[in-house]
Amino acid sequence: MAATRVVCYIFLITFVAVSEGTECRHDTYVELSANSKSKFIYSPNYPEPYPAHAMCKWRIRIESQSRSKIIHVRTMDMEVPTKNDNCTNTYLKAYDGQYNTAPLIKQWCDDSTIVSSGAYVIIEFHASHLSGKGFALSFHEINTFSHKCKAGGVQKIDLTQTPLVISFPDEDAFKNGNGDCEWLFAANKMDSKIIVELDEWILDPSSDFCNNSYIQFIDGDNSNSSLEILKYCHPDRPFHTLTTSIGYLLVRLHGNWQNTATQLPIITLKLHSIKINNPMIDCHSNLQTLIIDSTPSLIVYPPGKLQSEEDPCPLQLWSDNKEETVRVDVVSNIDDNITCQHYLYVYNSTETENVIPYRCINDKPSYFNPGHIKILKPYDRDNITEKVVFRAYTVASPCDGSVLEQWAHNDDRKTLKLAGSKDVYDNNGYCKYLLKAEDEDGKIKLFVSGSLFEWDHGDVNCENDFIALYDGTDEDAPMISKWCGGSAPDGFHSTGKNMLVIFRSNQHGRQHQHQYNIEYLAYKEMCSKYDIPLNASSSPQNLTSPGYPDYYPPDSVCNWSIRPSSNEHHIVLKVTNTRLGPHCNSMLSTYEYKEMTNSDTTELIGRACDSETPTFISSRGPMMVQFRSNKFWNVGGFLAEYWEEPMPTPAASVHSSSNILKSCYTHYFIIIICVILYHR
């Protein structure tokens, strides 16, 4: 019986391994064949942890044995315990041949792409004593062709068999410093378009790449009707997929690689040619639908060449995560001279009744909708449909068009964290934060320091990455300021309890080399030329200059009237710290405050300036306090405490007066006796 159980368990384990694509052998190769369809290799037990010290070998060969085809292997998922060991403990190896004695293509433990030079490739997996989730690889055959860089000429490549994979620049071009190359990809059939998948994008982040080099994608053959889709030079992956509107795609590589990069850049594209739906026939039977994620997809819309009476087929965009919002940004269009009567028609459902409010196409608007978006058509001009490039991706709150409310508490500084992290914030950011004071009469103060990325690269006007501050709850409120770098010692202030903060970054905003810091707090109005009433109690309360202990604003006047709880109390103001500059140019003054029948009168109690710390007491009832700063000095301000104390009782006052009179009489009598004795 026990033997039977062992056999059953072995059978079960073997069956699961093979059916899940995780067959693993260490003594011989697991034989696999590659064709045009993607197949997969998994680590043992994937996605469950693989066993420690696992070792597996796979040999992939081209199924057709064609010499014009090679093997493309791509990492789909990778999670192994590397511990920054440069992939020396747990790793994958790829050899360019039938055995592991062939040249090593690569040893890796992260996302990567492998391309063989012939019909065979060996994949080996070596695990350390630690276990992990493992990996998933996809592989398929691709067509070979010559794509070496030829300066001064355009290489035309027909997509007769797809997918086609190209990697550039080639090593010879890199070593020679020759990076001016152009490739024109042509679809294999009429009425087709090209879809590009970005398999690999590796640029040295430490190099000054953008000063001399870029890669450019153009929808068309570079004629007058061509449209630039993207011009890019940053280390961040610019897109997941790119879709043209016609059967031509021009890729231009410009720059001197040798002078701008310390290591060979690797850009790998996977190109497909697909048929364009006929708007008169195929729109309903074969609706265009794209699943998008957080990595942008670039799309030229509408596809094909439309006649004046034709409407393009609608395009539906669905989020791969139903909890996230689809965002569409208009990037560019052919005609920059269009008027604001031209729009991109976008709907928030699969029907065409619920149009999302549209804006002028030249404003490069953004559209948001949870889950999915339907694009019906771009703007019309003289009954001719123009083409537009848009970027589609998914976003989460607060960067999905909604507003994230954050409460601010009195004198309690909090950090405002932009989407991303302090040194790497999200690209294509459009995030809204509404800061709200906890009290109805409170206000918001926002402190900034450091800078965002583009400010360090000459964007002093904050055109690329910035935060915009509005004195209210929406963008129709007055703008307080626009900031992208530098410091504001006194911060930015709202006039009411709300401040809207909007963060914007461009498509490569996430490459950030210097930290920024944004903090906010709530406060009650503490400075006005009109009296600010304060109610005193027996417990001390603080009174400070505006912004204390930071600099107070120059040339300002602040008035407070401190009132006791009853007429039987008076006010005590104790100054505990002052830094008001020399020569009493800025001064704190206290006055008696007496309400008369027709007017108010004041009587000076005392003043403090420089570094003086006196105590002031009102004779009876309220105290008026005034702070004045001059136009030039704003040092550190003052800190004071105030409270109320009971007035002396009338009995105590009479008793005191009686004692004084008695003392006076006594002294007068002594003087008289002294005079009489002197004259004798």
Foldseek 3Di string as FASTA:
>chain_A
DVVVVVVVVVVVQVVVCVVVQADFDAPDADEEEAAADKDKHWHPPAQPKHAAFGKGKYKYFYPVQDFQKKKKKWWPDFDAPDVPVQQPAWWKWKAQDRDPVHHTQDIDRGTDMDIHNGGMMMMMTGGHNDIHSTTMMMMHMAGDDDDAFDPPDEAEDEPQDDFHKDKDDDPVCLVVQHWWGKYKYFYPDFQKKKKKFWRDWAADQVWPFVVFWWKWKWQDDPDLQIDTQDIDTHRDDQAGMEIHQGGIMMITITGRNNRTGPDGTITMMTMDMDHFDDQVPPLVVPPAEEEAAAGKYKYKPDHDADDLPGWGRKYKYFYPDQQWKKKKWFDDWSDLPDDFVWWWWKAQDPDRPHTDDTTRVNVRDMDIYGGMMMTGATTDDPSGGTMTMMIMYIDHPQQRVHEAEDEFEAPDKDWDAADDGQFFHDAQGWGKYKYFYPDFQKKKFKWKAAFFACVVVVPVVCPAWWKWKFQDDDPVGHTQDIDGHDTDQLGTIHNGRIMMIITGHHSPRRRGDMGMTMMMHMHHDQFDQDEDEAEFAQDKDKHWARPAQTWHAAFGKGKYKYWYPDQQKKKKKWWDWAAQDPPPQKKKWKWAWDDDDPDIDTHTQDIDHHTDTGMTIHLTTMMMMMIGHHHPDTHGTTMMIMHMDGHDDVVVVVVVVVVVVVVVVVVVVVVVVVVVVVVD
